[in-house]
Amino acid sequence: MGGHSMTRRTAFLAIGAFMAATATAGAQQNSSWNGTWIGNWAGGNGTQIVFADNDLIAMYWDGDYLSDTQASVSADGRVVTITWASGQAVLNRDGETSGHIVIHEKGKSDIGFDLKRDKQ
């Protein structure tokens, strides 16, 4: 009798651990910024922001790719802050493929607009 009880308990613990790991992996996947995010092209000064997972690869803004960009992602993965010599951008995730960005540049008015993950 004791052997069956122990086997059942072990099976339940293994299933519980698997479900927890699967849920954690899903949550991490949903918070990834992986891909190309675009916005404001109709507004005249579009942006393209490229991530590999949550690592910033490039940011196109104000007619050129920015140099010396730094990026940090919040613990929950919903907010990315990108800085460069003359400014800062804060990206907020609204959904799996949508977000909003506010750009602060020295000597200019702040600008904010929607972003979407580009379907390439």
Protein backbone atom coordinates (compact mmCIF):
# COMPACT_ATOMS: atom_id res chain seq x y z
CA MET A 1 0.00 0.00 0.00
CA GLY A 2 2.69 2.49 0.99
CA GLY A 3 4.45 2.03 -2.37
CA HIS A 4 1.39 3.00 -4.40
CA SER A 5 0.81 6.06 -2.26
CA MET A 6 4.40 7.17 -2.72
CA THR A 7 4.28 6.56 -6.48
CA ARG A 8 1.05 8.54 -6.80
CA ARG A 9 2.44 11.39 -4.72
CA THR A 10 5.61 11.48 -6.82
CA ALA A 11 3.55 11.50 -10.03
CA PHE A 12 1.42 14.40 -8.78
CA LEU A 13 4.52 16.35 -7.77
CA ALA A 14 6.12 15.72 -11.17
CA ILE A 15 2.97 16.85 -12.99
CA GLY A 16 2.74 19.94 -10.79
CA ALA A 17 6.38 20.83 -11.44
CA PHE A 18 5.90 20.36 -15.19
CA MET A 19 2.81 22.61 -15.21
CA ALA A 20 4.62 25.31 -13.23
CA ALA A 21 7.60 25.17 -15.61
CA THR A 22 5.30 25.36 -18.63
CA ALA A 23 3.43 28.35 -17.21
CA THR A 24 6.71 30.14 -16.44
CA ALA A 25 8.03 29.48 -19.95
CA GLY A 26 4.80 30.81 -21.45
CA ALA A 27 4.95 33.95 -19.33
CA GLN A 28 8.56 34.53 -20.35
CA GLN A 29 7.72 34.01 -24.01
CA ASN A 30 4.84 36.51 -23.86
CA SER A 31 7.09 39.18 -22.36
CA SER A 32 9.75 38.92 -25.08
CA TRP A 33 10.17 41.93 -27.37
CA ASN A 34 11.76 39.68 -30.01
CA GLY A 35 11.27 41.00 -33.54
CA THR A 36 10.93 44.34 -35.30
CA TRP A 37 8.61 46.99 -33.87
CA ILE A 38 7.45 49.88 -36.04
CA GLY A 39 5.37 53.01 -35.68
CA ASN A 40 4.58 56.59 -36.75
CA TRP A 41 5.43 56.10 -40.43
CA ALA A 42 2.16 57.81 -41.38
CA GLY A 43 3.07 60.63 -38.98
CA GLY A 44 6.18 61.51 -40.96
CA ASN A 45 8.95 60.43 -38.58
CA GLY A 46 8.77 56.68 -38.29
CA THR A 47 10.71 54.38 -36.04
CA GLN A 48 11.95 50.83 -36.37
CA ILE A 49 13.21 49.07 -33.25
CA VAL A 50 14.80 45.64 -33.57
CA PHE A 51 15.17 43.15 -30.73
CA ALA A 52 16.67 39.67 -30.48
CA ASP A 53 14.67 38.28 -27.58
CA ASN A 54 14.93 41.22 -25.14
CA ASP A 55 18.29 42.51 -26.41
CA LEU A 56 18.16 45.74 -28.42
CA ILE A 57 19.85 45.31 -31.81
CA ALA A 58 19.03 48.63 -33.50
CA MET A 59 16.77 51.68 -33.34
CA TYR A 60 15.93 53.79 -36.38
CA TRP A 61 14.68 57.26 -35.47
CA ASP A 62 14.78 60.76 -36.96
CA GLY A 63 16.02 59.53 -40.34
CA ASP A 64 18.90 57.32 -39.19
CA TYR A 65 19.94 54.44 -37.00
CA LEU A 66 20.99 55.67 -33.56
CA SER A 67 24.46 54.87 -32.28
CA ASP A 68 25.53 54.05 -28.74
CA THR A 69 22.06 52.97 -27.61
CA GLN A 70 21.57 51.29 -24.25
CA ALA A 71 18.43 49.38 -23.28
CA SER A 72 16.99 47.95 -20.09
CA VAL A 73 13.88 45.80 -19.71
CA SER A 74 11.65 45.89 -16.62
CA ALA A 75 11.41 42.77 -14.46
CA ASP A 76 7.97 41.91 -15.88
CA GLY A 77 9.17 42.50 -19.47
CA ARG A 78 6.44 45.04 -20.27
CA VAL A 79 8.61 48.19 -20.34
CA VAL A 80 11.84 48.88 -22.22
CA THR A 81 13.87 52.04 -21.68
CA ILE A 82 16.28 52.95 -24.47
CA THR A 83 18.83 55.74 -24.01
CA TRP A 84 21.27 57.46 -26.35
CA ALA A 85 23.39 60.60 -26.16
CA SER A 86 20.59 63.07 -26.94
CA GLY A 87 17.51 61.26 -25.73
CA GLN A 88 15.50 58.47 -24.26
CA ALA A 89 12.59 56.29 -25.40
CA VAL A 90 10.21 54.41 -23.13
CA LEU A 91 8.31 51.54 -24.71
CA ASN A 92 5.26 50.07 -22.95
CA ARG A 93 3.79 46.77 -24.06
CA ASP A 94 -0.02 46.82 -24.53
CA GLY A 95 -0.30 43.28 -25.89
CA GLU A 96 1.60 40.53 -27.67
CA THR A 97 2.03 42.63 -30.84
CA SER A 98 1.18 46.17 -29.73
CA GLY A 99 2.70 48.88 -27.60
CA HIS A 100 3.27 52.59 -27.13
CA ILE A 101 6.44 54.65 -27.19
CA VAL A 102 7.29 58.07 -25.76
CA ILE A 103 10.47 59.71 -27.02
CA HIS A 104 12.20 62.45 -25.02
CA GLU A 105 14.96 64.36 -26.83
CA LYS A 106 16.99 67.28 -25.58
CA GLY A 107 15.62 70.57 -26.89
CA LYS A 108 12.52 68.98 -28.49
CA SER A 109 8.96 68.34 -27.42
CA ASP A 110 8.15 64.79 -26.31
CA ILE A 111 6.44 62.64 -28.89
CA GLY A 112 4.38 59.54 -28.28
CA PHE A 113 2.74 57.07 -30.65
CA ASP A 114 1.62 53.46 -31.02
CA LEU A 115 3.96 50.64 -31.99
CA LYS A 116 3.23 47.28 -33.52
CA ARG A 117 5.32 44.19 -34.08
CA ASP A 118 6.09 44.01 -37.80
CA LYS A 119 4.93 40.84 -39.55
CA GLN A 120 7.92 39.88 -41.63
